[in-house]
């Protein structure tokens, strides 16, 4: 005998599928509006997704760890390789910029690289927040990479 789900469970599953579909569409629409020269690529692994695209002089990565409310949207872009000519002055400058000019994004260090990054759980994430996150990281990284490389490049 086939067991059916209660209507409220069916409705919740349908809403989750629609929300996931819309989430992916919003991300791909934002990337399409920002990318240059058809550079966008995507890798899918189950419900996880990783996009990469070129914006100005930087590569931007957008990652979804999954599609549930507990999963996260992370956007990052490398702006400078470490070590530099003056790591302590670089650290001070980046900390000051984190306070004054990065808004929801921030400078961080990962794998011996300075990156611009923002991360947010998917719970109650709006299309506007997705667009803002991707646009902020891409813009800040593109505006920061060349000046930082000139001033601190190793």
N, C-alpha and C. Protein backbone atom coordinates (compact mmCIF):
# COMPACT_ATOMS: atom_id res chain seq x y z
N UNK A 1 0.84 -1.18 0.00
CA UNK A 1 0.00 0.00 0.00
C UNK A 1 0.89 1.25 0.00
N UNK A 2 0.56 2.20 -0.85
CA UNK A 2 1.30 3.45 -0.94
C UNK A 2 0.85 4.36 0.18
N UNK A 3 1.83 4.89 0.89
CA UNK A 3 1.51 5.79 1.99
C UNK A 3 1.65 7.22 1.51
N UNK A 4 0.65 8.02 1.73
CA UNK A 4 0.71 9.41 1.29
C UNK A 4 1.10 10.31 2.45
N UNK A 5 1.71 11.41 2.09
CA UNK A 5 2.10 12.39 3.10
C UNK A 5 0.93 13.32 3.40
N UNK A 6 0.86 13.80 4.62
CA UNK A 6 -0.17 14.80 4.91
C UNK A 6 0.02 16.02 4.02
N UNK A 7 -1.07 16.72 3.75
CA UNK A 7 -1.03 17.89 2.86
C UNK A 7 -0.02 18.94 3.28
N UNK A 8 0.15 19.18 4.58
CA UNK A 8 1.09 20.21 5.02
C UNK A 8 2.54 19.81 4.71
N UNK A 9 2.87 18.51 4.76
CA UNK A 9 4.22 18.07 4.38
C UNK A 9 4.43 18.18 2.88
N UNK A 10 3.41 17.86 2.09
CA UNK A 10 3.51 18.02 0.64
C UNK A 10 3.72 19.47 0.28
N UNK A 11 2.97 20.35 0.92
CA UNK A 11 3.09 21.78 0.66
C UNK A 11 4.47 22.29 1.02
N UNK A 12 5.00 21.87 2.16
CA UNK A 12 6.33 22.30 2.59
C UNK A 12 7.39 21.84 1.61
N UNK A 13 7.28 20.60 1.12
CA UNK A 13 8.25 20.11 0.14
C UNK A 13 8.17 20.89 -1.16
N UNK A 14 6.96 21.22 -1.61
CA UNK A 14 6.79 21.99 -2.83
C UNK A 14 7.37 23.38 -2.67
N UNK A 15 7.14 24.02 -1.54
CA UNK A 15 7.67 25.35 -1.27
C UNK A 15 9.19 25.31 -1.25
N UNK A 16 9.78 24.26 -0.62
CA UNK A 16 11.23 24.13 -0.59
C UNK A 16 11.82 24.00 -1.99
N UNK A 17 11.17 23.22 -2.87
CA UNK A 17 11.67 23.07 -4.25
C UNK A 17 11.58 24.38 -5.00
N UNK A 18 10.48 25.10 -4.83
CA UNK A 18 10.31 26.39 -5.50
C UNK A 18 11.35 27.39 -4.98
N UNK A 19 11.54 27.43 -3.66
CA UNK A 19 12.51 28.36 -3.08
C UNK A 19 13.92 28.05 -3.58
N UNK A 20 14.28 26.77 -3.64
CA UNK A 20 15.61 26.39 -4.12
C UNK A 20 15.79 26.79 -5.58
N UNK A 21 14.78 26.56 -6.38
CA UNK A 21 14.83 26.93 -7.80
C UNK A 21 15.00 28.43 -7.95
N UNK A 22 14.24 29.21 -7.20
CA UNK A 22 14.34 30.67 -7.27
C UNK A 22 15.71 31.15 -6.79
N UNK A 23 16.24 30.54 -5.75
CA UNK A 23 17.54 30.90 -5.22
C UNK A 23 18.62 30.73 -6.29
N UNK A 24 18.62 29.61 -6.95
CA UNK A 24 19.60 29.35 -8.00
C UNK A 24 19.42 30.31 -9.17
N UNK A 25 18.17 30.60 -9.54
CA UNK A 25 17.91 31.55 -10.63
C UNK A 25 18.42 32.94 -10.28
N UNK A 26 18.20 33.37 -9.05
CA UNK A 26 18.65 34.70 -8.64
C UNK A 26 20.18 34.78 -8.72
N UNK A 27 20.86 33.78 -8.18
CA UNK A 27 22.33 33.77 -8.22
C UNK A 27 22.82 33.81 -9.66
N UNK A 28 22.26 32.99 -10.50
CA UNK A 28 22.72 32.94 -11.89
C UNK A 28 22.40 34.23 -12.64
N UNK A 29 21.28 34.86 -12.32
CA UNK A 29 20.94 36.14 -12.94
C UNK A 29 21.93 37.22 -12.53
N UNK A 30 22.28 37.28 -11.25
CA UNK A 30 23.24 38.28 -10.77
C UNK A 30 24.60 38.05 -11.42
N UNK A 31 25.05 36.80 -11.45
CA UNK A 31 26.34 36.49 -12.06
C UNK A 31 26.34 36.88 -13.53
N UNK A 32 25.28 36.56 -14.24
CA UNK A 32 25.19 36.91 -15.66
C UNK A 32 25.27 38.42 -15.87
N UNK A 33 24.67 39.19 -14.95
CA UNK A 33 24.69 40.64 -15.10
C UNK A 33 26.07 41.24 -14.81
N UNK A 34 26.91 40.53 -14.04
CA UNK A 34 28.21 41.06 -13.64
C UNK A 34 29.39 40.51 -14.45
N UNK A 35 29.29 39.28 -14.90
CA UNK A 35 30.44 38.62 -15.52
C UNK A 35 30.87 39.32 -16.81
N UNK A 36 32.14 39.12 -17.13
CA UNK A 36 32.65 39.67 -18.39
C UNK A 36 33.05 38.53 -19.32
N UNK A 37 32.74 38.69 -20.58
CA UNK A 37 33.16 37.77 -21.64
C UNK A 37 32.72 36.32 -21.43
N UNK A 38 31.50 36.11 -20.97
CA UNK A 38 30.96 34.75 -20.78
C UNK A 38 31.93 33.84 -20.02
N UNK A 39 32.39 34.31 -18.87
CA UNK A 39 33.39 33.58 -18.10
C UNK A 39 32.79 32.70 -17.01
N UNK A 40 31.50 32.75 -16.80
CA UNK A 40 30.89 32.04 -15.68
C UNK A 40 30.94 30.53 -15.88
N UNK A 41 31.29 29.85 -14.79
CA UNK A 41 31.28 28.39 -14.77
C UNK A 41 30.60 27.96 -13.48
N UNK A 42 29.99 26.78 -13.49
CA UNK A 42 29.35 26.27 -12.28
C UNK A 42 29.69 24.80 -12.11
N UNK A 43 29.89 24.42 -10.85
CA UNK A 43 30.10 23.02 -10.49
C UNK A 43 29.01 22.65 -9.50
N UNK A 44 28.31 21.56 -9.78
CA UNK A 44 27.26 21.09 -8.89
C UNK A 44 27.67 19.75 -8.31
N UNK A 45 27.43 19.60 -7.01
CA UNK A 45 27.71 18.35 -6.31
C UNK A 45 26.55 18.10 -5.36
N UNK A 46 25.57 17.36 -5.82
CA UNK A 46 24.34 17.18 -5.03
C UNK A 46 23.61 18.49 -4.95
N UNK A 47 23.38 18.96 -3.73
CA UNK A 47 22.70 20.26 -3.57
C UNK A 47 23.69 21.41 -3.43
N UNK A 48 24.99 21.10 -3.34
CA UNK A 48 26.01 22.15 -3.25
C UNK A 48 26.33 22.68 -4.65
N UNK A 49 26.62 23.97 -4.72
CA UNK A 49 26.94 24.63 -5.99
C UNK A 49 28.13 25.55 -5.79
N UNK A 50 28.99 25.64 -6.81
CA UNK A 50 30.10 26.58 -6.80
C UNK A 50 30.19 27.24 -8.17
N UNK A 51 30.05 28.56 -8.19
CA UNK A 51 30.17 29.32 -9.44
C UNK A 51 31.49 30.09 -9.39
N UNK A 52 32.05 30.34 -10.57
CA UNK A 52 33.24 31.17 -10.71
C UNK A 52 33.02 32.05 -11.92
N UNK A 53 33.34 33.35 -11.78
CA UNK A 53 33.24 34.25 -12.92
C UNK A 53 34.25 35.36 -12.79
N UNK A 54 34.56 35.98 -13.90
CA UNK A 54 35.51 37.09 -13.97
C UNK A 54 34.75 38.41 -13.88
N UNK A 55 35.23 39.30 -13.01
CA UNK A 55 34.66 40.64 -12.90
C UNK A 55 35.83 41.61 -12.90
N UNK A 56 35.97 42.38 -13.94
CA UNK A 56 37.11 43.29 -14.05
C UNK A 56 38.40 42.49 -14.03
N UNK A 57 39.25 42.76 -13.03
CA UNK A 57 40.55 42.09 -12.95
C UNK A 57 40.57 40.93 -11.95
N UNK A 58 39.41 40.55 -11.39
CA UNK A 58 39.38 39.50 -10.36
C UNK A 58 38.46 38.35 -10.76
N UNK A 59 38.71 37.19 -10.15
CA UNK A 59 37.79 36.06 -10.24
C UNK A 59 36.96 36.05 -8.97
N UNK A 60 35.67 35.86 -9.13
CA UNK A 60 34.75 35.84 -7.99
C UNK A 60 34.16 34.44 -7.89
N UNK A 61 34.07 33.94 -6.66
CA UNK A 61 33.50 32.62 -6.40
C UNK A 61 32.23 32.79 -5.56
N UNK A 62 31.21 32.03 -5.91
CA UNK A 62 29.94 32.02 -5.18
C UNK A 62 29.66 30.57 -4.83
N UNK A 63 29.49 30.30 -3.53
CA UNK A 63 29.28 28.92 -3.10
C UNK A 63 28.01 28.79 -2.27
N UNK A 64 27.21 27.80 -2.62
CA UNK A 64 26.08 27.38 -1.78
C UNK A 64 26.46 26.02 -1.22
N UNK A 65 26.40 25.87 0.10
CA UNK A 65 26.74 24.58 0.69
C UNK A 65 25.60 23.58 0.56
N UNK A 66 24.43 24.06 0.25
CA UNK A 66 23.24 23.24 0.08
C UNK A 66 22.05 24.16 -0.12
N UNK A 67 20.85 23.62 0.05
CA UNK A 67 19.67 24.43 -0.23
C UNK A 67 18.71 24.54 0.96
N UNK A 68 19.15 24.10 2.14
CA UNK A 68 18.29 24.22 3.32
C UNK A 68 18.57 25.54 4.03
N UNK A 69 17.71 25.91 4.95
CA UNK A 69 17.91 27.17 5.69
C UNK A 69 19.19 27.18 6.50
N UNK A 70 19.70 26.01 6.86
CA UNK A 70 20.94 25.93 7.65
C UNK A 70 22.19 26.08 6.78
N UNK A 71 22.05 25.94 5.47
CA UNK A 71 23.20 26.06 4.58
C UNK A 71 23.58 27.53 4.40
N UNK A 72 24.73 27.75 3.74
CA UNK A 72 25.22 29.12 3.60
C UNK A 72 25.53 29.50 2.16
N UNK A 73 25.45 30.80 1.93
CA UNK A 73 25.90 31.43 0.70
C UNK A 73 27.19 32.15 1.08
N UNK A 74 28.28 31.81 0.40
CA UNK A 74 29.57 32.48 0.63
C UNK A 74 30.07 33.00 -0.71
N UNK A 75 30.52 34.24 -0.70
CA UNK A 75 31.07 34.88 -1.90
C UNK A 75 32.45 35.39 -1.54
N UNK A 76 33.47 35.09 -2.39
CA UNK A 76 34.81 35.57 -2.12
C UNK A 76 35.60 35.80 -3.41
N UNK A 77 36.66 36.60 -3.25
CA UNK A 77 37.54 36.89 -4.36
C UNK A 77 38.93 37.22 -3.82
N UNK A 78 39.96 36.65 -4.42
CA UNK A 78 41.34 36.92 -4.00
C UNK A 78 41.80 38.26 -4.55
N UNK A 79 42.48 39.05 -3.69
CA UNK A 79 43.00 40.34 -4.12
C UNK A 79 44.52 40.46 -4.02
N UNK A 80 45.16 39.58 -3.24
CA UNK A 80 46.60 39.71 -3.04
C UNK A 80 47.16 38.40 -2.48
N UNK A 81 48.31 38.00 -3.00
CA UNK A 81 49.00 36.81 -2.48
C UNK A 81 49.96 37.23 -1.36
N UNK A 82 50.13 36.37 -0.39
CA UNK A 82 51.04 36.61 0.73
C UNK A 82 52.28 35.73 0.56
N UNK A 83 53.42 36.10 1.13
CA UNK A 83 53.68 37.29 1.94
C UNK A 83 53.84 38.53 1.07
N UNK A 84 53.82 39.69 1.73
CA UNK A 84 53.97 40.96 1.03
C UNK A 84 55.23 41.67 1.50
N UNK A 85 55.45 42.86 0.95
CA UNK A 85 56.61 43.68 1.35
C UNK A 85 56.49 44.13 2.81
N UNK A 86 55.24 44.32 3.28
CA UNK A 86 55.04 44.81 4.64
C UNK A 86 53.70 44.29 5.18
N UNK A 87 53.75 43.07 5.70
CA UNK A 87 52.52 42.44 6.18
C UNK A 87 51.85 43.20 7.32
N UNK A 88 52.63 43.83 8.19
CA UNK A 88 52.01 44.54 9.32
C UNK A 88 51.25 45.79 8.85
N UNK A 89 51.81 46.54 7.91
CA UNK A 89 51.09 47.70 7.38
C UNK A 89 49.86 47.25 6.59
N UNK A 90 49.99 46.16 5.85
CA UNK A 90 48.86 45.61 5.12
C UNK A 90 47.74 45.23 6.09
N UNK A 91 48.10 44.54 7.16
CA UNK A 91 47.10 44.12 8.15
C UNK A 91 46.37 45.32 8.73
N UNK A 92 47.10 46.36 9.07
CA UNK A 92 46.48 47.56 9.63
C UNK A 92 45.53 48.20 8.61
N UNK A 93 45.99 48.33 7.36
CA UNK A 93 45.15 48.94 6.33
C UNK A 93 43.86 48.13 6.13
N UNK A 94 43.99 46.81 6.07
CA UNK A 94 42.80 45.98 5.84
C UNK A 94 41.83 46.05 7.01
N UNK A 95 42.36 46.07 8.24
CA UNK A 95 41.47 46.20 9.40
C UNK A 95 40.74 47.54 9.39
N UNK A 96 41.45 48.60 9.02
CA UNK A 96 40.80 49.91 8.92
C UNK A 96 39.73 49.90 7.83
N UNK A 97 40.04 49.30 6.69
CA UNK A 97 39.05 49.22 5.62
C UNK A 97 37.85 48.36 6.03
N UNK A 98 38.08 47.29 6.79
CA UNK A 98 36.97 46.48 7.26
C UNK A 98 35.97 47.31 8.07
N UNK A 99 36.48 48.30 8.78
CA UNK A 99 35.62 49.16 9.58
C UNK A 99 34.91 50.21 8.73
N UNK A 100 35.62 50.75 7.74
CA UNK A 100 35.09 51.93 7.04
C UNK A 100 34.47 51.68 5.68
N UNK A 101 34.87 50.62 4.96
CA UNK A 101 34.45 50.60 3.56
C UNK A 101 34.00 49.26 2.99
N UNK A 102 33.89 48.23 3.80
CA UNK A 102 33.53 46.94 3.21
C UNK A 102 32.07 46.53 3.46
N UNK A 103 31.34 47.31 4.20
CA UNK A 103 29.93 47.03 4.51
C UNK A 103 29.77 45.61 5.04
N UNK A 104 28.93 44.77 4.42
CA UNK A 104 28.72 43.41 4.92
C UNK A 104 29.87 42.47 4.57
N UNK A 105 30.71 42.85 3.64
CA UNK A 105 31.87 42.05 3.25
C UNK A 105 33.02 42.39 4.19
N UNK A 106 34.12 41.66 4.05
CA UNK A 106 35.31 41.94 4.87
C UNK A 106 36.54 41.36 4.19
N UNK A 107 37.69 41.89 4.56
CA UNK A 107 38.94 41.31 4.11
C UNK A 107 39.29 40.18 5.08
N UNK A 108 39.89 39.12 4.55
CA UNK A 108 40.31 37.98 5.37
C UNK A 108 41.52 37.34 4.70
N UNK A 109 42.12 36.39 5.39
CA UNK A 109 43.24 35.65 4.84
C UNK A 109 42.87 34.17 4.81
N UNK A 110 43.08 33.55 3.65
CA UNK A 110 42.87 32.12 3.50
C UNK A 110 43.90 31.59 2.51
N UNK A 111 44.53 30.47 2.84
CA UNK A 111 45.53 29.84 1.96
C UNK A 111 46.59 30.82 1.46
N UNK A 112 47.12 31.65 2.36
CA UNK A 112 48.14 32.64 2.02
C UNK A 112 47.70 33.62 0.96
N UNK A 113 46.42 33.97 0.98
CA UNK A 113 45.88 34.99 0.08
C UNK A 113 44.97 35.92 0.86
N UNK A 114 45.00 37.19 0.51
CA UNK A 114 44.04 38.14 1.05
C UNK A 114 42.81 38.07 0.15
N UNK A 115 41.65 37.89 0.75
CA UNK A 115 40.40 37.79 0.01
C UNK A 115 39.40 38.80 0.54
N UNK A 116 38.43 39.12 -0.30
CA UNK A 116 37.24 39.84 0.14
C UNK A 116 36.17 38.76 0.23
N UNK A 117 35.43 38.72 1.33
CA UNK A 117 34.48 37.63 1.55
C UNK A 117 33.22 38.12 2.27
N UNK A 118 32.12 37.47 1.99
CA UNK A 118 30.91 37.63 2.78
C UNK A 118 30.24 36.27 2.83
N UNK A 119 29.56 36.00 3.94
CA UNK A 119 28.90 34.71 4.11
C UNK A 119 27.62 34.93 4.90
N UNK A 120 26.59 34.17 4.55
CA UNK A 120 25.28 34.35 5.18
C UNK A 120 24.51 33.05 5.10
N UNK A 121 23.77 32.71 6.16
CA UNK A 121 22.92 31.53 6.10
C UNK A 121 21.78 31.79 5.12
N UNK A 122 21.18 30.73 4.62
CA UNK A 122 20.09 30.88 3.65
C UNK A 122 18.75 31.21 4.31
N UNK A 123 18.67 31.08 5.63
CA UNK A 123 17.42 31.37 6.33
C UNK A 123 16.99 32.81 6.05
N UNK A 124 15.81 32.96 5.49
CA UNK A 124 15.21 34.28 5.21
C UNK A 124 16.06 35.15 4.28
N UNK A 125 16.86 34.54 3.45
CA UNK A 125 17.71 35.28 2.50
C UNK A 125 16.86 35.78 1.34
N UNK A 126 16.93 37.07 1.07
CA UNK A 126 16.12 37.65 0.00
C UNK A 126 16.94 37.79 -1.28
N UNK A 127 16.28 37.90 -2.43
CA UNK A 127 17.00 38.13 -3.69
C UNK A 127 17.88 39.38 -3.63
N UNK A 128 17.42 40.42 -2.96
CA UNK A 128 18.22 41.64 -2.83
C UNK A 128 19.50 41.41 -2.06
N UNK A 129 19.44 40.58 -1.01
CA UNK A 129 20.63 40.27 -0.24
C UNK A 129 21.63 39.45 -1.05
N UNK A 130 21.13 38.53 -1.86
CA UNK A 130 22.00 37.74 -2.73
C UNK A 130 22.71 38.66 -3.71
N UNK A 131 21.96 39.53 -4.36
CA UNK A 131 22.53 40.46 -5.32
C UNK A 131 23.56 41.37 -4.66
N UNK A 132 23.23 41.88 -3.50
CA UNK A 132 24.14 42.79 -2.79
C UNK A 132 25.43 42.07 -2.41
N UNK A 133 25.33 40.85 -1.91
CA UNK A 133 26.52 40.11 -1.48
C UNK A 133 27.48 39.89 -2.64
N UNK A 134 26.94 39.41 -3.75
CA UNK A 134 27.79 39.13 -4.91
C UNK A 134 28.37 40.42 -5.48
N UNK A 135 27.55 41.44 -5.59
CA UNK A 135 28.00 42.72 -6.15
C UNK A 135 29.04 43.39 -5.25
N UNK A 136 28.82 43.37 -3.93
CA UNK A 136 29.78 43.97 -3.00
C UNK A 136 31.16 43.32 -3.12
N UNK A 137 31.20 42.01 -3.05
CA UNK A 137 32.49 41.32 -3.11
C UNK A 137 33.17 41.59 -4.44
N UNK A 138 32.44 41.47 -5.54
CA UNK A 138 33.04 41.69 -6.86
C UNK A 138 33.58 43.12 -6.98
N UNK A 139 32.81 44.09 -6.56
CA UNK A 139 33.21 45.49 -6.68
C UNK A 139 34.39 45.84 -5.79
N UNK A 140 34.32 45.45 -4.51
CA UNK A 140 35.40 45.76 -3.58
C UNK A 140 36.69 45.07 -4.02
N UNK A 141 36.60 43.81 -4.44
CA UNK A 141 37.79 43.09 -4.90
C UNK A 141 38.40 43.75 -6.13
N UNK A 142 37.55 44.10 -7.10
CA UNK A 142 38.06 44.70 -8.34
C UNK A 142 38.68 46.07 -8.08
N UNK A 143 38.12 46.82 -7.14
CA UNK A 143 38.67 48.14 -6.83
C UNK A 143 39.91 48.06 -5.94
N UNK A 144 40.11 46.94 -5.25
CA UNK A 144 41.20 46.82 -4.27
C UNK A 144 42.42 46.07 -4.76
N UNK A 145 42.25 45.15 -5.69
CA UNK A 145 43.37 44.25 -6.03
C UNK A 145 44.58 44.99 -6.57
N UNK A 146 44.40 45.82 -7.55
CA UNK A 146 45.56 46.50 -8.17
C UNK A 146 46.25 47.47 -7.21
N UNK A 147 45.52 48.33 -6.47
CA UNK A 147 46.22 49.20 -5.51
C UNK A 147 46.96 48.41 -4.42
N UNK A 148 46.36 47.32 -3.93
CA UNK A 148 47.05 46.52 -2.91
C UNK A 148 48.27 45.83 -3.48
N UNK A 149 48.18 45.33 -4.69
CA UNK A 149 49.32 44.67 -5.33
C UNK A 149 50.45 45.67 -5.57
N UNK A 150 50.09 46.90 -5.98
CA UNK A 150 51.12 47.93 -6.21
C UNK A 150 51.80 48.32 -4.91
N UNK A 151 51.02 48.50 -3.86
CA UNK A 151 51.56 49.00 -2.60
C UNK A 151 52.29 47.90 -1.80
N UNK A 152 51.75 46.68 -1.82
CA UNK A 152 52.27 45.64 -0.93
C UNK A 152 52.82 44.41 -1.63
N UNK A 153 52.61 44.29 -2.93
CA UNK A 153 53.00 43.08 -3.65
C UNK A 153 54.39 42.59 -3.29
N UNK A 154 54.50 41.26 -3.14
CA UNK A 154 55.75 40.65 -2.67
C UNK A 154 56.70 40.44 -3.73
